[in-house]
PDB file of N, CA and C in Angstrom:
ATOM      1  N   MET A   1     -16.426 -11.338 -14.888  1.00  0.00           N
ATOM      2  CA  MET A   1     -15.612 -10.946 -13.737  1.00  0.00           C
ATOM      3  C   MET A   1     -14.670 -12.114 -13.410  1.00  0.00           C
ATOM      4  N   SER A   2     -13.416 -11.939 -13.614  1.00  0.00           N
ATOM      5  CA  SER A   2     -12.462 -12.962 -13.238  1.00  0.00           C
ATOM      6  C   SER A   2     -11.813 -12.585 -11.906  1.00  0.00           C
ATOM      7  N   SER A   3     -11.359 -13.570 -11.206  1.00  0.00           N
ATOM      8  CA  SER A   3     -10.754 -13.343  -9.906  1.00  0.00           C
ATOM      9  C   SER A   3      -9.678 -14.418  -9.640  1.00  0.00           C
ATOM     10  N   PHE A   4      -8.865 -14.155  -8.637  1.00  0.00           N
ATOM     11  CA  PHE A   4      -7.926 -15.176  -8.212  1.00  0.00           C
ATOM     12  C   PHE A   4      -7.873 -15.172  -6.684  1.00  0.00           C
ATOM     13  N   VAL A   5      -7.613 -16.350  -6.194  1.00  0.00           N
ATOM     14  CA  VAL A   5      -7.530 -16.546  -4.689  1.00  0.00           C
ATOM     15  C   VAL A   5      -6.098 -16.699  -4.267  1.00  0.00           C
ATOM     16  N   CYS A   6      -5.770 -16.038  -3.189  1.00  0.00           N
ATOM     17  CA  CYS A   6      -4.357 -16.226  -2.638  1.00  0.00           C
ATOM     18  C   CYS A   6      -4.447 -16.017  -1.179  1.00  0.00           C
ATOM     19  N   ARG A   7      -3.416 -16.488  -0.487  1.00  0.00           N
ATOM     20  CA  ARG A   7      -3.269 -16.310   0.963  1.00  0.00           C
ATOM     21  C   ARG A   7      -2.672 -14.919   1.195  1.00  0.00           C
ATOM     22  N   VAL A   8      -3.265 -14.313   2.250  1.00  0.00           N
ATOM     23  CA  VAL A   8      -2.737 -12.997   2.638  1.00  0.00           C
ATOM     24  C   VAL A   8      -2.287 -12.950   4.078  1.00  0.00           C
ATOM     25  N   GLN A   9      -1.330 -12.182   4.382  1.00  0.00           N
ATOM     26  CA  GLN A   9      -0.786 -12.141   5.736  1.00  0.00           C
ATOM     27  C   GLN A   9      -0.115 -10.772   5.948  1.00  0.00           C
ATOM     28  N   PHE A  10      -0.085 -10.354   7.220  1.00  0.00           N
ATOM     29  CA  PHE A  10       0.647  -9.108   7.493  1.00  0.00           C
ATOM     30  C   PHE A  10       1.794  -9.367   8.377  1.00  0.00           C
ATOM     31  N   LEU A  11       2.727  -8.447   8.365  1.00  0.00           N
ATOM     32  CA  LEU A  11       3.869  -8.540   9.261  1.00  0.00           C
ATOM     33  C   LEU A  11       3.847  -7.357  10.148  1.00  0.00           C
ATOM     34  N   ASP A  12       3.695  -7.522  11.441  1.00  0.00           N
ATOM     35  CA  ASP A  12       3.660  -6.435  12.403  1.00  0.00           C
ATOM     36  C   ASP A  12       5.102  -6.135  12.774  1.00  0.00           C
ATOM     37  N   ASP A  13       5.667  -5.100  12.163  1.00  0.00           N
ATOM     38  CA  ASP A  13       7.062  -4.835  12.488  1.00  0.00           C
ATOM     39  C   ASP A  13       7.219  -3.582  13.387  1.00  0.00           C
ATOM     40  N   THR A  14       6.110  -3.225  14.080  1.00  0.00           N
ATOM     41  CA  THR A  14       6.228  -2.097  15.010  1.00  0.00           C
ATOM     42  C   THR A  14       7.154  -2.376  16.200  1.00  0.00           C
ATOM     43  N   ASP A  15       7.167  -3.643  16.634  1.00  0.00           N
ATOM     44  CA  ASP A  15       8.066  -4.134  17.674  1.00  0.00           C
ATOM     45  C   ASP A  15       8.460  -5.513  17.329  1.00  0.00           C
ATOM     46  N   PRO A  16       9.598  -5.711  16.611  1.00  0.00           N
ATOM     47  CA  PRO A  16       9.971  -7.022  16.112  1.00  0.00           C
ATOM     48  C   PRO A  16      10.290  -8.058  17.195  1.00  0.00           C
ATOM     49  N   PHE A  17      10.471  -7.610  18.445  1.00  0.00           N
ATOM     50  CA  PHE A  17      10.843  -8.552  19.518  1.00  0.00           C
ATOM     51  C   PHE A  17       9.625  -8.915  20.376  1.00  0.00           C
ATOM     52  N   ASN A  18       8.467  -8.406  20.087  1.00  0.00           N
ATOM     53  CA  ASN A  18       7.236  -8.682  20.804  1.00  0.00           C
ATOM     54  C   ASN A  18       6.228  -9.350  19.874  1.00  0.00           C
ATOM     55  N   SER A  19       6.138 -10.672  20.010  1.00  0.00           N
ATOM     56  CA  SER A  19       5.220 -11.426  19.164  1.00  0.00           C
ATOM     57  C   SER A  19       3.919 -11.808  19.855  1.00  0.00           C
ATOM     58  N   THR A  20       3.729 -11.335  21.094  1.00  0.00           N
ATOM     59  CA  THR A  20       2.530 -11.683  21.832  1.00  0.00           C
ATOM     60  C   THR A  20       1.378 -10.688  21.661  1.00  0.00           C
ATOM     61  N   SER A  21       1.722  -9.428  21.345  1.00  0.00           N
ATOM     62  CA  SER A  21       0.668  -8.470  21.200  1.00  0.00           C
ATOM     63  C   SER A  21      -0.159  -8.671  20.030  1.00  0.00           C
ATOM     64  N   PHE A  22       0.425  -8.923  18.883  1.00  0.00           N
ATOM     65  CA  PHE A  22      -0.287  -9.216  17.632  1.00  0.00           C
ATOM     66  C   PHE A  22       0.269 -10.479  17.038  1.00  0.00           C
ATOM     67  N   PRO A  23      -0.149 -11.632  17.557  1.00  0.00           N
ATOM     68  CA  PRO A  23       0.360 -12.838  16.969  1.00  0.00           C
ATOM     69  C   PRO A  23      -0.110 -13.071  15.523  1.00  0.00           C
ATOM     70  N   GLU A  24       0.775 -13.432  14.687  1.00  0.00           N
ATOM     71  CA  GLU A  24       0.444 -13.626  13.286  1.00  0.00           C
ATOM     72  C   GLU A  24      -0.207 -15.003  13.124  1.00  0.00           C
ATOM     73  N   PRO A  25      -1.108 -15.179  12.205  1.00  0.00           N
ATOM     74  CA  PRO A  25      -1.836 -16.423  12.060  1.00  0.00           C
ATOM     75  C   PRO A  25      -0.864 -17.496  11.621  1.00  0.00           C
ATOM     76  N   THR A  26      -1.095 -18.712  12.067  1.00  0.00           N
ATOM     77  CA  THR A  26      -0.200 -19.806  11.691  1.00  0.00           C
ATOM     78  C   THR A  26      -0.411 -20.160  10.241  1.00  0.00           C
ATOM     79  N   ARG A  27      -1.620 -20.083   9.715  1.00  0.00           N
ATOM     80  CA  ARG A  27      -1.905 -20.302   8.291  1.00  0.00           C
ATOM     81  C   ARG A  27      -2.641 -19.037   7.799  1.00  0.00           C
ATOM     82  N   ALA A  28      -2.060 -18.446   6.820  1.00  0.00           N
ATOM     83  CA  ALA A  28      -2.661 -17.266   6.247  1.00  0.00           C
ATOM     84  C   ALA A  28      -4.034 -17.465   5.641  1.00  0.00           C
ATOM     85  N   PRO A  29      -5.027 -16.639   5.887  1.00  0.00           N
ATOM     86  CA  PRO A  29      -6.342 -16.801   5.337  1.00  0.00           C
ATOM     87  C   PRO A  29      -6.375 -16.526   3.850  1.00  0.00           C
ATOM     88  N   LEU A  30      -7.394 -17.072   3.198  1.00  0.00           N
ATOM     89  CA  LEU A  30      -7.597 -16.875   1.758  1.00  0.00           C
ATOM     90  C   LEU A  30      -8.349 -15.549   1.468  1.00  0.00           C
ATOM     91  N   TYR A  31      -7.997 -14.901   0.425  1.00  0.00           N
ATOM     92  CA  TYR A  31      -8.667 -13.674  -0.053  1.00  0.00           C
ATOM     93  C   TYR A  31      -8.845 -13.762  -1.540  1.00  0.00           C
ATOM     94  N   THR A  32      -9.998 -13.451  -2.045  1.00  0.00           N
ATOM     95  CA  THR A  32     -10.291 -13.434  -3.437  1.00  0.00           C
ATOM     96  C   THR A  32     -10.153 -12.036  -4.012  1.00  0.00           C
ATOM     97  N   PHE A  33      -9.194 -11.878  -4.843  1.00  0.00           N
ATOM     98  CA  PHE A  33      -8.988 -10.602  -5.519  1.00  0.00           C
ATOM     99  C   PHE A  33      -9.680 -10.579  -6.865  1.00  0.00           C
ATOM    100  N   ARG A  34     -10.365  -9.485  -7.105  1.00  0.00           N
ATOM    101  CA  ARG A  34     -11.001  -9.348  -8.427  1.00  0.00           C
ATOM    102  C   ARG A  34     -10.067  -8.669  -9.412  1.00  0.00           C
ATOM    103  N   GLU A  35      -9.959  -9.232 -10.594  1.00  0.00           N
ATOM    104  CA  GLU A  35      -8.983  -8.672 -11.595  1.00  0.00           C
ATOM    105  C   GLU A  35      -9.536  -7.394 -12.243  1.00  0.00           C
ATOM    106  N   ASP A  36     -10.868  -7.122 -12.109  1.00  0.00           N
ATOM    107  CA  ASP A  36     -11.369  -5.928 -12.785  1.00  0.00           C
ATOM    108  C   ASP A  36     -11.309  -4.696 -11.862  1.00  0.00           C
ATOM    109  N   LEU A  37     -10.802  -4.886 -10.657  1.00  0.00           N
ATOM    110  CA  LEU A  37     -10.641  -3.783  -9.732  1.00  0.00           C
ATOM    111  C   LEU A  37      -9.146  -3.592  -9.380  1.00  0.00           C
ATOM    112  N   PRO A  38      -8.718  -2.338  -9.274  1.00  0.00           N
ATOM    113  CA  PRO A  38      -7.321  -2.118  -8.830  1.00  0.00           C
ATOM    114  C   PRO A  38      -7.090  -2.637  -7.446  1.00  0.00           C
ATOM    115  N   VAL A  39      -5.930  -3.152  -7.217  1.00  0.00           N
ATOM    116  CA  VAL A  39      -5.570  -3.721  -5.871  1.00  0.00           C
ATOM    117  C   VAL A  39      -5.759  -2.631  -4.802  1.00  0.00           C
ATOM    118  N   ILE A  40      -5.487  -1.440  -5.108  1.00  0.00           N
ATOM    119  CA  ILE A  40      -5.578  -0.358  -4.113  1.00  0.00           C
ATOM    120  C   ILE A  40      -7.003  -0.247  -3.576  1.00  0.00           C
ATOM    121  N   GLU A  41      -7.992  -0.591  -4.391  1.00  0.00           N
ATOM    122  CA  GLU A  41      -9.413  -0.553  -3.923  1.00  0.00           C
ATOM    123  C   GLU A  41      -9.813  -1.755  -3.132  1.00  0.00           C
ATOM    124  N   GLN A  42      -8.987  -2.773  -3.093  1.00  0.00           N
ATOM    125  CA  GLN A  42      -9.310  -4.009  -2.399  1.00  0.00           C
ATOM    126  C   GLN A  42      -8.546  -4.186  -1.105  1.00  0.00           C
ATOM    127  N   ILE A  43      -7.641  -3.253  -0.833  1.00  0.00           N
ATOM    128  CA  ILE A  43      -6.843  -3.380   0.368  1.00  0.00           C
ATOM    129  C   ILE A  43      -7.670  -3.247   1.694  1.00  0.00           C
ATOM    130  N   ALA A  44      -8.737  -2.451   1.637  1.00  0.00           N
ATOM    131  CA  ALA A  44      -9.558  -2.347   2.829  1.00  0.00           C
ATOM    132  C   ALA A  44     -10.193  -3.704   3.200  1.00  0.00           C
ATOM    133  N   GLY A  45     -10.594  -4.475   2.195  1.00  0.00           N
ATOM    134  CA  GLY A  45     -11.127  -5.807   2.406  1.00  0.00           C
ATOM    135  C   GLY A  45     -10.127  -6.737   3.004  1.00  0.00           C
ATOM    136  N   VAL A  46      -8.848  -6.704   2.526  1.00  0.00           N
ATOM    137  CA  VAL A  46      -7.773  -7.483   3.119  1.00  0.00           C
ATOM    138  C   VAL A  46      -7.566  -7.065   4.506  1.00  0.00           C
ATOM    139  N   HIS A  47      -7.525  -5.803   4.823  1.00  0.00           N
ATOM    140  CA  HIS A  47      -7.274  -5.262   6.102  1.00  0.00           C
ATOM    141  C   HIS A  47      -8.362  -5.769   7.134  1.00  0.00           C
ATOM    142  N   ARG A  48      -9.607  -5.768   6.730  1.00  0.00           N
ATOM    143  CA  ARG A  48     -10.643  -6.245   7.575  1.00  0.00           C
ATOM    144  C   ARG A  48     -10.534  -7.751   7.843  1.00  0.00           C
ATOM    145  N   LEU A  49     -10.206  -8.503   6.790  1.00  0.00           N
ATOM    146  CA  LEU A  49     -10.022  -9.977   6.932  1.00  0.00           C
ATOM    147  C   LEU A  49      -8.931 -10.272   7.935  1.00  0.00           C
ATOM    148  N   LEU A  50      -7.825  -9.548   7.888  1.00  0.00           N
ATOM    149  CA  LEU A  50      -6.667  -9.853   8.724  1.00  0.00           C
ATOM    150  C   LEU A  50      -6.811  -9.255  10.114  1.00  0.00           C
ATOM    151  N   LYS A  51      -7.683  -8.286  10.250  1.00  0.00           N
ATOM    152  CA  LYS A  51      -7.795  -7.548  11.544  1.00  0.00           C
ATOM    153  C   LYS A  51      -6.475  -7.022  11.901  1.00  0.00           C
ATOM    154  N   ALA A  52      -5.769  -6.445  10.929  1.00  0.00           N
ATOM    155  CA  ALA A  52      -4.428  -5.929  11.128  1.00  0.00           C
ATOM    156  C   ALA A  52      -4.432  -4.681  11.962  1.00  0.00           C
ATOM    157  N   PRO A  53      -3.436  -4.502  12.851  1.00  0.00           N
ATOM    158  CA  PRO A  53      -3.385  -3.326  13.701  1.00  0.00           C
ATOM    159  C   PRO A  53      -2.877  -2.087  12.941  1.00  0.00           C
ATOM    160  N   HIS A  54      -2.344  -2.216  11.803  1.00  0.00           N
ATOM    161  CA  HIS A  54      -1.819  -1.102  11.035  1.00  0.00           C
ATOM    162  C   HIS A  54      -2.984  -0.249  10.478  1.00  0.00           C
ATOM    163  N   LYS A  55      -2.708   1.000  10.152  1.00  0.00           N
ATOM    164  CA  LYS A  55      -3.706   1.839   9.444  1.00  0.00           C
ATOM    165  C   LYS A  55      -3.635   1.442   7.988  1.00  0.00           C
ATOM    166  N   VAL A  56      -4.850   1.546   7.363  1.00  0.00           N
ATOM    167  CA  VAL A  56      -4.955   1.184   5.938  1.00  0.00           C
ATOM    168  C   VAL A  56      -4.047   2.096   5.086  1.00  0.00           C
ATOM    169  N   ARG A  57      -3.892   3.309   5.530  1.00  0.00           N
ATOM    170  CA  ARG A  57      -3.111   4.336   4.771  1.00  0.00           C
ATOM    171  C   ARG A  57      -1.695   3.824   4.541  1.00  0.00           C
ATOM    172  N   SER A  58      -1.041   3.147   5.515  1.00  0.00           N
ATOM    173  CA  SER A  58       0.334   2.721   5.357  1.00  0.00           C
ATOM    174  C   SER A  58       0.391   1.648   4.262  1.00  0.00           C
ATOM    175  N   HIS A  59      -0.622   0.838   4.122  1.00  0.00           N
ATOM    176  CA  HIS A  59      -0.669  -0.130   3.053  1.00  0.00           C
ATOM    177  C   HIS A  59      -0.791   0.459   1.666  1.00  0.00           C
ATOM    178  N   THR A  60      -1.756   1.403   1.601  1.00  0.00           N
ATOM    179  CA  THR A  60      -2.056   2.034   0.293  1.00  0.00           C
ATOM    180  C   THR A  60      -0.900   2.836  -0.208  1.00  0.00           C
ATOM    181  N   ASN A  61      -0.155   3.483   0.657  1.00  0.00           N
ATOM    182  CA  ASN A  61       1.036   4.181   0.201  1.00  0.00           C
ATOM    183  C   ASN A  61       2.025   3.237  -0.458  1.00  0.00           C
ATOM    184  N   TYR A  62       2.235   2.122   0.174  1.00  0.00           N
ATOM    185  CA  TYR A  62       3.214   1.126  -0.362  1.00  0.00           C
ATOM    186  C   TYR A  62       2.741   0.571  -1.709  1.00  0.00           C
ATOM    187  N   THR A  63       1.450   0.247  -1.836  1.00  0.00           N
ATOM    188  CA  THR A  63       1.015  -0.294  -3.133  1.00  0.00           C
ATOM    189  C   THR A  63       0.994   0.781  -4.206  1.00  0.00           C
ATOM    190  N   HIS A  64       0.747   2.009  -3.800  1.00  0.00           N
ATOM    191  CA  HIS A  64       0.789   3.118  -4.787  1.00  0.00           C
ATOM    192  C   HIS A  64       2.177   3.441  -5.277  1.00  0.00           C
ATOM    193  N   THR A  65       3.111   3.378  -4.322  1.00  0.00           N
ATOM    194  CA  THR A  65       4.502   3.733  -4.683  1.00  0.00           C
ATOM    195  C   THR A  65       5.154   2.588  -5.462  1.00  0.00           C
ATOM    196  N   TYR A  66       4.884   1.357  -5.132  1.00  0.00           N
ATOM    197  CA  TYR A  66       5.470   0.200  -5.763  1.00  0.00           C
ATOM    198  C   TYR A  66       4.470  -0.767  -6.386  1.00  0.00           C
ATOM    199  N   PRO A  67       3.689  -0.303  -7.374  1.00  0.00           N
ATOM    200  CA  PRO A  67       2.597  -1.143  -7.873  1.00  0.00           C
ATOM    201  C   PRO A  67       3.096  -2.418  -8.615  1.00  0.00           C
ATOM    202  N   ARG A  68       4.340  -2.412  -9.074  1.00  0.00           N
ATOM    203  CA  ARG A  68       4.895  -3.543  -9.771  1.00  0.00           C
ATOM    204  C   ARG A  68       5.173  -4.734  -8.825  1.00  0.00           C
ATOM    205  N   LEU A  69       5.261  -4.483  -7.590  1.00  0.00           N
ATOM    206  CA  LEU A  69       5.511  -5.551  -6.583  1.00  0.00           C
ATOM    207  C   LEU A  69       4.269  -6.402  -6.365  1.00  0.00           C
ATOM    208  N   LEU A  70       3.104  -5.881  -6.692  1.00  0.00           N
ATOM    209  CA  LEU A  70       1.912  -6.625  -6.564  1.00  0.00           C
ATOM    210  C   LEU A  70       1.594  -7.262  -7.879  1.00  0.00           C
TER     211      LEU A  70
END
């Protein structure tokens, strides 16, 4: 099982002029992605790590539609 570690971060663009409701971390946390699993199956773990206010569905639609961006 091979894996790679990278920093992950979310952008809360629901209200771009309000940065106090969901402040973004100053330094993005590390997440270990497994290369034997599709990214789509690992998004829930990233979501939990970030405690992101977005629904997981919005992330999975993006990765499903544009898989080459990942």
